Amino acid sequence: MRRRCDFGRERRGRITPPEPERRGKTRITIRLDEDLADHFLKDADAFGVGAGYQTLIDEALRQHVEGKAPKFEQTLRRIAREEVRRVG
């Protein structure tokens, strides 16, 4: 017969966040391109504990909505400058 496990001293992890983090969230289902999902998952792993990929997606969307995200033209210019420096 199995012994009973006591999980009373355990902490909640990435799968089930503590209750305060769950307030204000809405459960939805979206489909992302695979490259975007991979990008956010890789960034979440690089940040380590405490930053999940959904949190990073929230932050990126919030910056865009609030107008704090870099504009397309600025990003294109930055990339062009980096490439010119790399080649030249």
C-alpha atoms as a PDB file:
ATOM      1  CA  MET A   1       0.000   0.000   0.000  1.00  0.00           C
ATOM      2  CA  ARG A   2       1.224   3.520  -0.769  1.00  0.00           C
ATOM      3  CA  ARG A   3       2.343   5.868   1.927  1.00  0.00           C
ATOM      4  CA  ARG A   4       0.611   9.227   2.021  1.00  0.00           C
ATOM      5  CA  CYS A   5       2.612  12.230   0.842  1.00  0.00           C
ATOM      6  CA  ASP A   6       2.550  15.491   2.759  1.00  0.00           C
ATOM      7  CA  PHE A   7       2.841  18.446   0.386  1.00  0.00           C
ATOM      8  CA  GLY A   8       2.034  21.008   3.068  1.00  0.00           C
ATOM      9  CA  ARG A   9       5.524  22.526   3.104  1.00  0.00           C
ATOM     10  CA  GLU A  10       5.964  22.600  -0.679  1.00  0.00           C
ATOM     11  CA  ARG A  11       5.950  25.750  -2.783  1.00  0.00           C
ATOM     12  CA  ARG A  12       3.867  26.259  -5.882  1.00  0.00           C
ATOM     13  CA  GLY A  13       5.815  26.370  -9.121  1.00  0.00           C
ATOM     14  CA  ARG A  14       5.367  27.596 -12.671  1.00  0.00           C
ATOM     15  CA  ILE A  15       2.445  25.266 -13.323  1.00  0.00           C
ATOM     16  CA  THR A  16       0.186  26.537 -10.543  1.00  0.00           C
ATOM     17  CA  PRO A  17       0.971  30.103  -9.509  1.00  0.00           C
ATOM     18  CA  PRO A  18       0.052  31.349  -6.052  1.00  0.00           C
ATOM     19  CA  GLU A  19      -3.399  32.887  -5.751  1.00  0.00           C
ATOM     20  CA  PRO A  20      -2.343  36.601  -5.696  1.00  0.00           C
ATOM     21  CA  GLU A  21      -0.787  36.253  -9.165  1.00  0.00           C
ATOM     22  CA  ARG A  22      -3.958  34.728 -10.569  1.00  0.00           C
ATOM     23  CA  ARG A  23      -6.162  37.749  -9.862  1.00  0.00           C
ATOM     24  CA  GLY A  24      -6.819  39.989 -12.830  1.00  0.00           C
ATOM     25  CA  LYS A  25      -5.943  37.333 -15.387  1.00  0.00           C
ATOM     26  CA  THR A  26      -8.254  35.981 -18.056  1.00  0.00           C
ATOM     27  CA  ARG A  27      -7.858  32.516 -19.472  1.00  0.00           C
ATOM     28  CA  ILE A  28      -7.814  32.564 -23.263  1.00  0.00           C
ATOM     29  CA  THR A  29      -6.498  30.354 -26.024  1.00  0.00           C
ATOM     30  CA  ILE A  30      -4.361  31.878 -28.760  1.00  0.00           C
ATOM     31  CA  ARG A  31      -2.276  30.365 -31.510  1.00  0.00           C
ATOM     32  CA  LEU A  32       1.197  31.852 -31.986  1.00  0.00           C
ATOM     33  CA  ASP A  33       3.644  31.272 -34.779  1.00  0.00           C
ATOM     34  CA  GLU A  34       6.196  28.688 -33.728  1.00  0.00           C
ATOM     35  CA  ASP A  35       9.126  31.106 -34.000  1.00  0.00           C
ATOM     36  CA  LEU A  36       7.431  33.573 -31.621  1.00  0.00           C
ATOM     37  CA  ALA A  37       6.616  30.884 -29.087  1.00  0.00           C
ATOM     38  CA  ASP A  38      10.213  29.613 -29.260  1.00  0.00           C
ATOM     39  CA  HIS A  39      11.543  33.153 -28.759  1.00  0.00           C
ATOM     40  CA  PHE A  40       9.498  33.773 -25.595  1.00  0.00           C
ATOM     41  CA  LEU A  41      10.195  30.287 -24.216  1.00  0.00           C
ATOM     42  CA  LYS A  42      13.942  30.754 -24.776  1.00  0.00           C
ATOM     43  CA  ASP A  43      13.865  34.179 -23.088  1.00  0.00           C
ATOM     44  CA  ALA A  44      11.902  32.769 -20.144  1.00  0.00           C
ATOM     45  CA  ASP A  45      14.515  30.040 -19.683  1.00  0.00           C
ATOM     46  CA  ALA A  46      17.314  32.628 -19.875  1.00  0.00           C
ATOM     47  CA  PHE A  47      15.683  34.752 -17.146  1.00  0.00           C
ATOM     48  CA  GLY A  48      15.338  31.715 -14.925  1.00  0.00           C
ATOM     49  CA  VAL A  49      12.889  31.307 -12.066  1.00  0.00           C
ATOM     50  CA  GLY A  50      10.148  33.877 -11.746  1.00  0.00           C
ATOM     51  CA  ALA A  51       9.704  34.811 -15.397  1.00  0.00           C
ATOM     52  CA  GLY A  52       7.382  32.639 -17.404  1.00  0.00           C
ATOM     53  CA  TYR A  53       6.882  32.956 -21.119  1.00  0.00           C
ATOM     54  CA  GLN A  54       3.323  34.205 -20.649  1.00  0.00           C
ATOM     55  CA  THR A  55       4.583  37.013 -18.413  1.00  0.00           C
ATOM     56  CA  LEU A  56       7.063  38.029 -21.111  1.00  0.00           C
ATOM     57  CA  ILE A  57       4.297  38.018 -23.727  1.00  0.00           C
ATOM     58  CA  ASP A  58       2.166  40.173 -21.379  1.00  0.00           C
ATOM     59  CA  GLU A  59       5.013  42.675 -20.988  1.00  0.00           C
ATOM     60  CA  ALA A  60       5.634  42.866 -24.748  1.00  0.00           C
ATOM     61  CA  LEU A  61       1.948  43.426 -25.471  1.00  0.00           C
ATOM     62  CA  ARG A  62       1.643  45.989 -22.674  1.00  0.00           C
ATOM     63  CA  GLN A  63       4.591  47.983 -24.072  1.00  0.00           C
ATOM     64  CA  HIS A  64       2.980  47.939 -27.500  1.00  0.00           C
ATOM     65  CA  VAL A  65      -0.434  49.016 -26.203  1.00  0.00           C
ATOM     66  CA  GLU A  66       1.047  51.810 -24.058  1.00  0.00           C
ATOM     67  CA  GLY A  67       3.147  53.063 -26.963  1.00  0.00           C
ATOM     68  CA  LYS A  68       6.445  52.272 -25.228  1.00  0.00           C
ATOM     69  CA  ALA A  69       7.537  49.606 -27.697  1.00  0.00           C
ATOM     70  CA  PRO A  70      10.100  50.718 -30.297  1.00  0.00           C
ATOM     71  CA  LYS A  71       8.565  51.765 -33.589  1.00  0.00           C
ATOM     72  CA  PHE A  72       9.168  49.621 -36.665  1.00  0.00           C
ATOM     73  CA  GLU A  73      11.220  52.356 -38.353  1.00  0.00           C
ATOM     74  CA  GLN A  74      13.490  52.706 -35.307  1.00  0.00           C
ATOM     75  CA  THR A  75      14.040  48.959 -35.166  1.00  0.00           C
ATOM     76  CA  LEU A  76      14.777  48.788 -38.905  1.00  0.00           C
ATOM     77  CA  ARG A  77      17.306  51.641 -38.641  1.00  0.00           C
ATOM     78  CA  ARG A  78      19.002  49.998 -35.651  1.00  0.00           C
ATOM     79  CA  ILE A  79      19.331  46.691 -37.507  1.00  0.00           C
ATOM     80  CA  ALA A  80      20.662  48.435 -40.632  1.00  0.00           C
ATOM     81  CA  ARG A  81      23.306  50.287 -38.552  1.00  0.00           C
ATOM     82  CA  GLU A  82      24.356  47.044 -36.852  1.00  0.00           C
ATOM     83  CA  GLU A  83      24.706  45.296 -40.204  1.00  0.00           C
ATOM     84  CA  VAL A  84      26.714  48.149 -41.726  1.00  0.00           C
ATOM     85  CA  ARG A  85      29.085  48.086 -38.732  1.00  0.00           C
ATOM     86  CA  ARG A  86      29.411  44.314 -38.969  1.00  0.00           C
ATOM     87  CA  VAL A  87      30.203  44.315 -42.698  1.00  0.00           C
ATOM     88  CA  GLY A  88      32.288  47.529 -42.770  1.00  0.00           C
END
